[in-house]
Amino acid sequence: MINKKTDTIVIRILHASILHFGKKHYKNVKVRDIAKSCKISSSLLYYHFKNKEQLLIESYSLLIESRTSVIKNITFKKLTLVLLSIFLENPMYANSINELLSKKPNISVEINDILKKQIHRCSDINIDTYTAYKVALVSLFAHPIIMRNLNEAVFDNQSLYDVYSNILK
């Protein structure tokens, strides 16, 4: 059972992780910097999270959940826009997740679970077509134009809109 103090520490760690992973690539984020941002020791951070990989995945999940939880009737289009907004505001997330997926394929199960949970909330999706929708969302990580923009950390909203329009056709 998690007590209120522990829960507060975990949330602080996840929020600090969002800031760090949003600005820096995964390989450049240091756990001690996240701990320092929270004014806690690295050992306390590791007490709650086994590694940096878990921090990235759980902070990404929190970021999506916090955005989608306020939308009453979420549709696939709204979910896609939420994910796009996350990547626009935190440009290194997609790049970091994509790299982590290429180096550690087992992470795809956790990422898929995050996406699956959100897709199941969409009111306009037939569960039989879940895989097609998941592929569209995963393509947010890997589409070359998006990845090029993430590497440059420069976003042209129109080009991103065009990319997603093509993805969602």
N, C-alpha and C. Protein backbone atom coordinates (compact mmCIF):
# COMPACT_ATOMS: atom_id res chain seq x y z
N MET A 1 0.84 -1.19 0.00
CA MET A 1 0.00 0.00 0.00
C MET A 1 0.89 1.25 0.00
N ILE A 2 0.59 2.15 -0.90
CA ILE A 2 1.37 3.38 -1.01
C ILE A 2 0.73 4.44 -0.12
N ASN A 3 1.56 5.04 0.73
CA ASN A 3 1.01 6.10 1.57
C ASN A 3 1.08 7.43 0.82
N LYS A 4 0.46 8.45 1.39
CA LYS A 4 0.36 9.74 0.71
C LYS A 4 1.74 10.37 0.46
N LYS A 5 2.65 10.26 1.43
CA LYS A 5 3.98 10.83 1.27
C LYS A 5 4.73 10.13 0.13
N THR A 6 4.66 8.81 0.09
CA THR A 6 5.31 8.05 -0.97
C THR A 6 4.72 8.42 -2.32
N ASP A 7 3.40 8.51 -2.37
CA ASP A 7 2.71 8.87 -3.61
C ASP A 7 3.16 10.24 -4.10
N THR A 8 3.30 11.19 -3.19
CA THR A 8 3.76 12.54 -3.53
C THR A 8 5.17 12.51 -4.09
N ILE A 9 6.04 11.74 -3.50
CA ILE A 9 7.42 11.62 -3.98
C ILE A 9 7.44 11.03 -5.38
N VAL A 10 6.68 9.97 -5.60
CA VAL A 10 6.62 9.33 -6.91
C VAL A 10 6.13 10.31 -7.97
N ILE A 11 5.08 11.05 -7.66
CA ILE A 11 4.55 12.04 -8.61
C ILE A 11 5.58 13.13 -8.89
N ARG A 12 6.27 13.60 -7.86
CA ARG A 12 7.32 14.61 -8.06
C ARG A 12 8.42 14.07 -8.97
N ILE A 13 8.81 12.82 -8.76
CA ILE A 13 9.84 12.20 -9.59
C ILE A 13 9.37 12.11 -11.04
N LEU A 14 8.13 11.68 -11.23
CA LEU A 14 7.60 11.54 -12.59
C LEU A 14 7.50 12.90 -13.29
N HIS A 15 7.06 13.92 -12.58
CA HIS A 15 6.98 15.25 -13.18
C HIS A 15 8.37 15.78 -13.54
N ALA A 16 9.34 15.56 -12.68
CA ALA A 16 10.71 15.96 -13.00
C ALA A 16 11.23 15.17 -14.20
N SER A 17 10.88 13.91 -14.27
CA SER A 17 11.29 13.07 -15.40
C SER A 17 10.71 13.60 -16.71
N ILE A 18 9.45 14.03 -16.66
CA ILE A 18 8.82 14.60 -17.86
C ILE A 18 9.62 15.80 -18.35
N LEU A 19 10.01 16.65 -17.43
CA LEU A 19 10.79 17.84 -17.81
C LEU A 19 12.14 17.45 -18.42
N HIS A 20 12.82 16.52 -17.81
CA HIS A 20 14.14 16.13 -18.29
C HIS A 20 14.07 15.38 -19.62
N PHE A 21 13.17 14.39 -19.72
CA PHE A 21 13.05 13.62 -20.96
C PHE A 21 12.45 14.45 -22.09
N GLY A 22 11.70 15.49 -21.75
CA GLY A 22 11.14 16.36 -22.77
C GLY A 22 12.16 17.27 -23.41
N LYS A 23 13.23 17.54 -22.69
CA LYS A 23 14.25 18.48 -23.19
C LYS A 23 15.51 17.79 -23.69
N LYS A 24 15.82 16.64 -23.11
CA LYS A 24 17.07 15.95 -23.46
C LYS A 24 16.78 14.56 -23.98
N HIS A 25 17.68 14.08 -24.80
CA HIS A 25 17.57 12.72 -25.29
C HIS A 25 17.82 11.75 -24.13
N TYR A 26 17.20 10.59 -24.20
CA TYR A 26 17.30 9.56 -23.17
C TYR A 26 18.73 9.34 -22.69
N LYS A 27 19.66 9.20 -23.63
CA LYS A 27 21.05 8.90 -23.25
C LYS A 27 21.72 10.07 -22.52
N ASN A 28 21.18 11.27 -22.65
CA ASN A 28 21.76 12.44 -21.99
C ASN A 28 21.09 12.79 -20.66
N VAL A 29 20.00 12.12 -20.36
CA VAL A 29 19.31 12.35 -19.08
C VAL A 29 20.02 11.55 -17.99
N LYS A 30 20.35 12.21 -16.91
CA LYS A 30 21.01 11.57 -15.78
C LYS A 30 20.01 11.44 -14.63
N VAL A 31 19.93 10.25 -14.07
CA VAL A 31 19.01 10.00 -12.96
C VAL A 31 19.33 10.93 -11.79
N ARG A 32 20.59 11.18 -11.55
CA ARG A 32 20.96 12.06 -10.43
C ARG A 32 20.43 13.49 -10.65
N ASP A 33 20.32 13.91 -11.94
CA ASP A 33 19.75 15.24 -12.22
C ASP A 33 18.25 15.27 -11.92
N ILE A 34 17.57 14.17 -12.23
CA ILE A 34 16.14 14.09 -11.90
C ILE A 34 15.97 14.12 -10.38
N ALA A 35 16.78 13.35 -9.68
CA ALA A 35 16.72 13.33 -8.21
C ALA A 35 17.00 14.73 -7.64
N LYS A 36 18.00 15.38 -8.20
CA LYS A 36 18.36 16.73 -7.74
C LYS A 36 17.20 17.70 -7.95
N SER A 37 16.51 17.58 -9.08
CA SER A 37 15.35 18.43 -9.36
C SER A 37 14.25 18.24 -8.32
N CYS A 38 14.16 17.02 -7.81
CA CYS A 38 13.13 16.69 -6.79
C CYS A 38 13.61 16.96 -5.37
N LYS A 39 14.89 17.31 -5.25
CA LYS A 39 15.51 17.52 -3.93
C LYS A 39 15.46 16.25 -3.09
N ILE A 40 15.76 15.12 -3.76
CA ILE A 40 15.85 13.83 -3.08
C ILE A 40 17.16 13.17 -3.48
N SER A 41 17.53 12.13 -2.78
CA SER A 41 18.75 11.40 -3.13
C SER A 41 18.47 10.45 -4.30
N SER A 42 19.52 10.12 -5.02
CA SER A 42 19.39 9.14 -6.11
C SER A 42 18.92 7.80 -5.58
N SER A 43 19.37 7.44 -4.38
CA SER A 43 18.97 6.15 -3.82
C SER A 43 17.46 6.10 -3.54
N LEU A 44 16.88 7.22 -3.11
CA LEU A 44 15.44 7.26 -2.91
C LEU A 44 14.71 7.13 -4.24
N LEU A 45 15.24 7.77 -5.26
CA LEU A 45 14.63 7.63 -6.59
C LEU A 45 14.68 6.17 -7.04
N TYR A 46 15.83 5.52 -6.85
CA TYR A 46 15.96 4.11 -7.24
C TYR A 46 15.13 3.19 -6.36
N TYR A 47 14.75 3.64 -5.19
CA TYR A 47 13.85 2.86 -4.35
C TYR A 47 12.48 2.73 -5.02
N HIS A 48 12.07 3.80 -5.70
CA HIS A 48 10.76 3.83 -6.34
C HIS A 48 10.78 3.37 -7.80
N PHE A 49 11.90 3.55 -8.47
CA PHE A 49 12.02 3.20 -9.89
C PHE A 49 13.30 2.43 -10.10
N LYS A 50 13.20 1.27 -10.75
CA LYS A 50 14.38 0.41 -10.85
C LYS A 50 15.46 0.95 -11.77
N ASN A 51 15.07 1.77 -12.77
CA ASN A 51 16.08 2.30 -13.70
C ASN A 51 15.51 3.48 -14.49
N LYS A 52 16.35 4.07 -15.29
CA LYS A 52 15.98 5.23 -16.10
C LYS A 52 14.91 4.86 -17.13
N GLU A 53 15.01 3.66 -17.64
CA GLU A 53 14.04 3.15 -18.61
C GLU A 53 12.62 3.17 -18.02
N GLN A 54 12.49 2.71 -16.79
CA GLN A 54 11.19 2.70 -16.13
C GLN A 54 10.70 4.14 -15.92
N LEU A 55 11.60 5.05 -15.60
CA LEU A 55 11.23 6.45 -15.44
C LEU A 55 10.66 7.02 -16.74
N LEU A 56 11.32 6.72 -17.86
CA LEU A 56 10.84 7.21 -19.16
C LEU A 56 9.45 6.67 -19.45
N ILE A 57 9.27 5.38 -19.30
CA ILE A 57 7.99 4.75 -19.63
C ILE A 57 6.88 5.23 -18.70
N GLU A 58 7.13 5.26 -17.41
CA GLU A 58 6.07 5.67 -16.47
C GLU A 58 5.76 7.16 -16.56
N SER A 59 6.77 7.97 -16.85
CA SER A 59 6.48 9.40 -17.01
C SER A 59 5.69 9.64 -18.29
N TYR A 60 6.00 8.89 -19.34
CA TYR A 60 5.23 8.98 -20.59
C TYR A 60 3.78 8.57 -20.34
N SER A 61 3.59 7.50 -19.61
CA SER A 61 2.24 7.04 -19.28
C SER A 61 1.47 8.11 -18.49
N LEU A 62 2.12 8.70 -17.50
CA LEU A 62 1.49 9.76 -16.70
C LEU A 62 1.12 10.95 -17.58
N LEU A 63 2.01 11.31 -18.47
CA LEU A 63 1.78 12.44 -19.36
C LEU A 63 0.53 12.20 -20.22
N ILE A 64 0.43 11.03 -20.81
CA ILE A 64 -0.74 10.70 -21.64
C ILE A 64 -2.00 10.65 -20.77
N GLU A 65 -1.90 9.96 -19.66
CA GLU A 65 -3.07 9.80 -18.78
C GLU A 65 -3.57 11.15 -18.27
N SER A 66 -2.67 12.03 -17.91
CA SER A 66 -3.10 13.34 -17.40
C SER A 66 -3.81 14.16 -18.48
N ARG A 67 -3.40 13.98 -19.72
CA ARG A 67 -4.05 14.71 -20.82
C ARG A 67 -5.39 14.09 -21.20
N THR A 68 -5.44 12.78 -21.30
CA THR A 68 -6.67 12.13 -21.78
C THR A 68 -7.74 12.03 -20.70
N SER A 69 -7.36 12.06 -19.45
CA SER A 69 -8.35 11.90 -18.38
C SER A 69 -9.33 13.06 -18.30
N VAL A 70 -8.97 14.21 -18.84
CA VAL A 70 -9.86 15.37 -18.80
C VAL A 70 -10.81 15.42 -20.00
N ILE A 71 -10.63 14.51 -20.95
CA ILE A 71 -11.49 14.47 -22.13
C ILE A 71 -12.59 13.45 -21.89
N LYS A 72 -13.83 13.91 -21.87
CA LYS A 72 -14.95 13.01 -21.56
C LYS A 72 -15.19 11.99 -22.66
N ASN A 73 -15.39 12.44 -23.86
CA ASN A 73 -15.70 11.55 -24.97
C ASN A 73 -14.51 11.53 -25.92
N ILE A 74 -13.52 10.73 -25.58
CA ILE A 74 -12.29 10.74 -26.38
C ILE A 74 -12.49 9.89 -27.64
N THR A 75 -12.04 10.45 -28.75
CA THR A 75 -12.07 9.74 -30.03
C THR A 75 -10.63 9.48 -30.44
N PHE A 76 -10.47 8.67 -31.47
CA PHE A 76 -9.12 8.38 -31.94
C PHE A 76 -8.42 9.65 -32.42
N LYS A 77 -9.16 10.51 -33.09
CA LYS A 77 -8.58 11.77 -33.57
C LYS A 77 -8.09 12.61 -32.38
N LYS A 78 -8.90 12.70 -31.33
CA LYS A 78 -8.49 13.46 -30.15
C LYS A 78 -7.26 12.83 -29.49
N LEU A 79 -7.24 11.51 -29.43
CA LEU A 79 -6.09 10.81 -28.85
C LEU A 79 -4.83 11.10 -29.65
N THR A 80 -4.95 11.08 -30.96
CA THR A 80 -3.80 11.37 -31.82
C THR A 80 -3.32 12.80 -31.60
N LEU A 81 -4.25 13.72 -31.46
CA LEU A 81 -3.88 15.12 -31.21
C LEU A 81 -3.21 15.28 -29.84
N VAL A 82 -3.68 14.52 -28.85
CA VAL A 82 -3.05 14.54 -27.53
C VAL A 82 -1.60 14.07 -27.64
N LEU A 83 -1.38 12.96 -28.34
CA LEU A 83 -0.01 12.44 -28.50
C LEU A 83 0.85 13.43 -29.27
N LEU A 84 0.29 14.03 -30.30
CA LEU A 84 1.03 15.03 -31.06
C LEU A 84 1.41 16.21 -30.17
N SER A 85 0.48 16.67 -29.35
CA SER A 85 0.78 17.80 -28.46
C SER A 85 1.88 17.45 -27.47
N ILE A 86 1.87 16.20 -27.00
CA ILE A 86 2.93 15.77 -26.08
C ILE A 86 4.29 15.86 -26.75
N PHE A 87 4.36 15.38 -27.99
CA PHE A 87 5.65 15.40 -28.69
C PHE A 87 6.07 16.81 -29.10
N LEU A 88 5.11 17.69 -29.35
CA LEU A 88 5.45 19.08 -29.66
C LEU A 88 5.99 19.80 -28.43
N GLU A 89 5.38 19.53 -27.28
CA GLU A 89 5.79 20.20 -26.05
C GLU A 89 7.02 19.56 -25.41
N ASN A 90 7.23 18.28 -25.69
CA ASN A 90 8.35 17.53 -25.12
C ASN A 90 9.08 16.84 -26.27
N PRO A 91 9.81 17.58 -27.07
CA PRO A 91 10.30 17.09 -28.35
C PRO A 91 11.19 15.85 -28.31
N MET A 92 11.83 15.58 -27.22
CA MET A 92 12.73 14.44 -27.23
C MET A 92 12.06 13.12 -26.82
N TYR A 93 10.81 13.17 -26.38
CA TYR A 93 10.13 11.93 -25.96
C TYR A 93 10.07 10.89 -27.07
N ALA A 94 9.54 11.28 -28.22
CA ALA A 94 9.39 10.31 -29.32
C ALA A 94 10.74 9.77 -29.74
N ASN A 95 11.72 10.64 -29.82
CA ASN A 95 13.06 10.23 -30.21
C ASN A 95 13.63 9.24 -29.20
N SER A 96 13.49 9.54 -27.93
CA SER A 96 14.01 8.66 -26.88
C SER A 96 13.29 7.32 -26.86
N ILE A 97 11.96 7.35 -26.98
CA ILE A 97 11.20 6.11 -26.97
C ILE A 97 11.55 5.27 -28.19
N ASN A 98 11.67 5.92 -29.34
CA ASN A 98 12.03 5.20 -30.56
C ASN A 98 13.39 4.53 -30.42
N GLU A 99 14.35 5.24 -29.88
CA GLU A 99 15.68 4.66 -29.70
C GLU A 99 15.65 3.52 -28.68
N LEU A 100 14.93 3.71 -27.62
CA LEU A 100 14.81 2.66 -26.60
C LEU A 100 14.15 1.41 -27.19
N LEU A 101 13.13 1.61 -28.01
CA LEU A 101 12.46 0.48 -28.66
C LEU A 101 13.41 -0.28 -29.59
N SER A 102 14.29 0.45 -30.27
CA SER A 102 15.22 -0.23 -31.18
C SER A 102 16.30 -0.99 -30.43
N LYS A 103 16.67 -0.51 -29.25
CA LYS A 103 17.72 -1.18 -28.47
C LYS A 103 17.17 -2.26 -27.54
N LYS A 104 15.94 -2.07 -27.09
CA LYS A 104 15.33 -3.01 -26.14
C LYS A 104 13.92 -3.33 -26.60
N PRO A 105 13.78 -4.25 -27.54
CA PRO A 105 12.45 -4.56 -28.10
C PRO A 105 11.41 -4.97 -27.06
N ASN A 106 11.85 -5.50 -25.93
CA ASN A 106 10.89 -5.91 -24.89
C ASN A 106 10.10 -4.72 -24.34
N ILE A 107 10.61 -3.53 -24.51
CA ILE A 107 9.93 -2.31 -24.06
C ILE A 107 8.63 -2.11 -24.84
N SER A 108 8.57 -2.65 -26.05
CA SER A 108 7.38 -2.45 -26.88
C SER A 108 6.12 -2.97 -26.19
N VAL A 109 6.25 -3.98 -25.37
CA VAL A 109 5.08 -4.51 -24.65
C VAL A 109 4.52 -3.42 -23.73
N GLU A 110 5.39 -2.73 -23.01
CA GLU A 110 4.94 -1.69 -22.09
C GLU A 110 4.35 -0.49 -22.84
N ILE A 111 5.01 -0.09 -23.93
CA ILE A 111 4.50 1.02 -24.74
C ILE A 111 3.15 0.63 -25.35
N ASN A 112 3.06 -0.59 -25.86
CA ASN A 112 1.79 -1.06 -26.43
C ASN A 112 0.68 -1.07 -25.38
N ASP A 113 1.01 -1.46 -24.16
CA ASP A 113 0.00 -1.46 -23.08
C ASP A 113 -0.51 -0.05 -22.80
N ILE A 114 0.39 0.92 -22.81
CA ILE A 114 0.00 2.32 -22.59
C ILE A 114 -0.95 2.76 -23.70
N LEU A 115 -0.57 2.48 -24.95
CA LEU A 115 -1.40 2.88 -26.09
C LEU A 115 -2.72 2.12 -26.11
N LYS A 116 -2.66 0.83 -25.82
CA LYS A 116 -3.87 0.00 -25.83
C LYS A 116 -4.90 0.53 -24.82
N LYS A 117 -4.43 0.88 -23.65
CA LYS A 117 -5.33 1.41 -22.62
C LYS A 117 -6.05 2.65 -23.14
N GLN A 118 -5.32 3.51 -23.82
CA GLN A 118 -5.92 4.74 -24.34
C GLN A 118 -6.85 4.47 -25.52
N ILE A 119 -6.45 3.56 -26.40
CA ILE A 119 -7.29 3.22 -27.55
C ILE A 119 -8.62 2.64 -27.09
N HIS A 120 -8.60 1.84 -26.05
CA HIS A 120 -9.83 1.25 -25.53
C HIS A 120 -10.80 2.31 -25.00
N ARG A 121 -10.29 3.46 -24.66
CA ARG A 121 -11.15 4.54 -24.18
C ARG A 121 -11.84 5.28 -25.33
N CYS A 122 -11.32 5.13 -26.54
CA CYS A 122 -11.87 5.86 -27.69
C CYS A 122 -13.26 5.35 -28.05
N SER A 123 -14.20 6.28 -28.13
CA SER A 123 -15.59 5.92 -28.38
C SER A 123 -15.87 5.54 -29.83
N ASP A 124 -14.98 5.88 -30.74
CA ASP A 124 -15.23 5.65 -32.16
C ASP A 124 -14.45 4.47 -32.74
N ILE A 125 -13.90 3.63 -31.89
CA ILE A 125 -13.08 2.52 -32.38
C ILE A 125 -13.76 1.19 -32.08
N ASN A 126 -13.83 0.37 -33.11
CA ASN A 126 -14.30 -1.00 -32.97
C ASN A 126 -13.11 -1.82 -32.51
N ILE A 127 -13.27 -2.58 -31.47
CA ILE A 127 -12.16 -3.33 -30.88
C ILE A 127 -11.52 -4.29 -31.89
N ASP A 128 -12.28 -4.71 -32.91
CA ASP A 128 -11.73 -5.62 -33.92
C ASP A 128 -10.65 -4.94 -34.76
N THR A 129 -10.66 -3.62 -34.82
CA THR A 129 -9.68 -2.90 -35.63
C THR A 129 -8.57 -2.29 -34.77
N TYR A 130 -8.45 -2.77 -33.56
CA TYR A 130 -7.46 -2.23 -32.62
C TYR A 130 -6.07 -2.18 -33.22
N THR A 131 -5.63 -3.24 -33.88
CA THR A 131 -4.26 -3.32 -34.40
C THR A 131 -3.97 -2.19 -35.38
N ALA A 132 -4.89 -1.89 -36.26
CA ALA A 132 -4.68 -0.82 -37.24
C ALA A 132 -4.50 0.52 -36.53
N TYR A 133 -5.28 0.75 -35.50
CA TYR A 133 -5.16 2.00 -34.76
C TYR A 133 -3.85 2.07 -33.97
N LYS A 134 -3.46 0.94 -33.41
CA LYS A 134 -2.19 0.90 -32.68
C LYS A 134 -1.03 1.22 -33.62
N VAL A 135 -1.06 0.66 -34.82
CA VAL A 135 -0.01 0.93 -35.81
C VAL A 135 0.05 2.42 -36.12
N ALA A 136 -1.11 3.06 -36.26
CA ALA A 136 -1.12 4.50 -36.54
C ALA A 136 -0.48 5.27 -35.40
N LEU A 137 -0.77 4.89 -34.16
CA LEU A 137 -0.18 5.60 -33.02
C LEU A 137 1.32 5.33 -32.90
N VAL A 138 1.72 4.09 -33.12
CA VAL A 138 3.15 3.77 -33.04
C VAL A 138 3.91 4.51 -34.13
N SER A 139 3.26 4.75 -35.26
CA SER A 139 3.93 5.47 -36.34
C SER A 139 4.26 6.91 -35.93
N LEU A 140 3.60 7.41 -34.89
CA LEU A 140 3.96 8.73 -34.38
C LEU A 140 5.41 8.76 -33.91
N PHE A 141 5.89 7.62 -33.42
CA PHE A 141 7.27 7.55 -32.96
C PHE A 141 8.25 7.47 -34.12
N ALA A 142 7.87 6.77 -35.18
CA ALA A 142 8.86 6.35 -36.16
C ALA A 142 8.79 7.06 -37.51
N HIS A 143 7.77 7.85 -37.77
CA HIS A 143 7.66 8.45 -39.09
C HIS A 143 8.89 9.33 -39.36
N PRO A 144 9.54 9.17 -40.53
CA PRO A 144 10.80 9.88 -40.81
C PRO A 144 10.72 11.39 -40.70
N ILE A 145 9.63 11.99 -41.17
CA ILE A 145 9.52 13.45 -41.10
C ILE A 145 9.44 13.90 -39.64
N ILE A 146 8.67 13.18 -38.86
CA ILE A 146 8.54 13.52 -37.45
C ILE A 146 9.89 13.34 -36.75
N MET A 147 10.55 12.22 -37.03
CA MET A 147 11.84 11.97 -36.39
C MET A 147 12.86 13.02 -36.80
N ARG A 148 12.85 13.43 -38.07
CA ARG A 148 13.79 14.47 -38.50
C ARG A 148 13.50 15.75 -37.72
N ASN A 149 12.24 16.10 -37.59
CA ASN A 149 11.89 17.30 -36.84
C ASN A 149 12.30 17.17 -35.38
N LEU A 150 12.14 15.98 -34.80
CA LEU A 150 12.52 15.80 -33.41
C LEU A 150 14.02 15.94 -33.23
N ASN A 151 14.79 15.40 -34.17
CA ASN A 151 16.24 15.52 -34.07
C ASN A 151 16.67 16.98 -34.14
N GLU A 152 15.98 17.74 -34.97
CA GLU A 152 16.32 19.15 -35.11
C GLU A 152 15.64 19.99 -34.03
N ALA A 153 14.67 19.39 -33.35
CA ALA A 153 13.87 20.09 -32.32
C ALA A 153 13.24 21.36 -32.86
N VAL A 154 12.87 21.31 -34.15
CA VAL A 154 12.18 22.42 -34.79
C VAL A 154 10.90 21.86 -35.39
N PHE A 155 9.78 22.44 -35.05
CA PHE A 155 8.52 21.91 -35.52
C PHE A 155 7.80 22.93 -36.37
N ASP A 156 7.37 22.47 -37.51
CA ASP A 156 6.51 23.24 -38.38
C ASP A 156 5.14 22.59 -38.26
N ASN A 157 4.22 23.26 -37.64
CA ASN A 157 2.91 22.66 -37.38
C ASN A 157 2.23 22.17 -38.64
N GLN A 158 2.36 22.90 -39.73
CA GLN A 158 1.71 22.48 -40.97
C GLN A 158 2.30 21.18 -41.48
N SER A 159 3.63 21.03 -41.45
CA SER A 159 4.23 19.78 -41.94
C SER A 159 3.82 18.61 -41.04
N LEU A 160 3.75 18.84 -39.74
CA LEU A 160 3.30 17.77 -38.85
C LEU A 160 1.83 17.43 -39.10
N TYR A 161 1.03 18.43 -39.31
CA TYR A 161 -0.38 18.18 -39.62
C TYR A 161 -0.51 17.36 -40.90
N ASP A 162 0.27 17.70 -41.92
CA ASP A 162 0.24 16.96 -43.18
C ASP A 162 0.66 15.51 -42.98
N VAL A 163 1.68 15.29 -42.17
CA VAL A 163 2.14 13.93 -41.90
C VAL A 163 1.04 13.13 -41.24
N TYR A 164 0.42 13.69 -40.21
CA TYR A 164 -0.62 12.96 -39.50
C TYR A 164 -1.86 12.77 -40.36
N SER A 165 -2.15 13.71 -41.22
CA SER A 165 -3.28 13.53 -42.14
C SER A 165 -3.04 12.32 -43.02
N ASN A 166 -1.81 12.17 -43.50
CA ASN A 166 -1.47 11.01 -44.33
C ASN A 166 -1.51 9.72 -43.52
N ILE A 167 -1.00 9.77 -42.30
CA ILE A 167 -0.99 8.58 -41.45
C ILE A 167 -2.41 8.12 -41.15
N LEU A 168 -3.31 9.06 -40.93
CA LEU A 168 -4.67 8.71 -40.49
C LEU A 168 -5.66 8.51 -41.63
N LYS A 169 -5.20 8.56 -42.88
CA LYS A 169 -6.12 8.33 -44.02
C LYS A 169 -6.67 6.95 -44.00
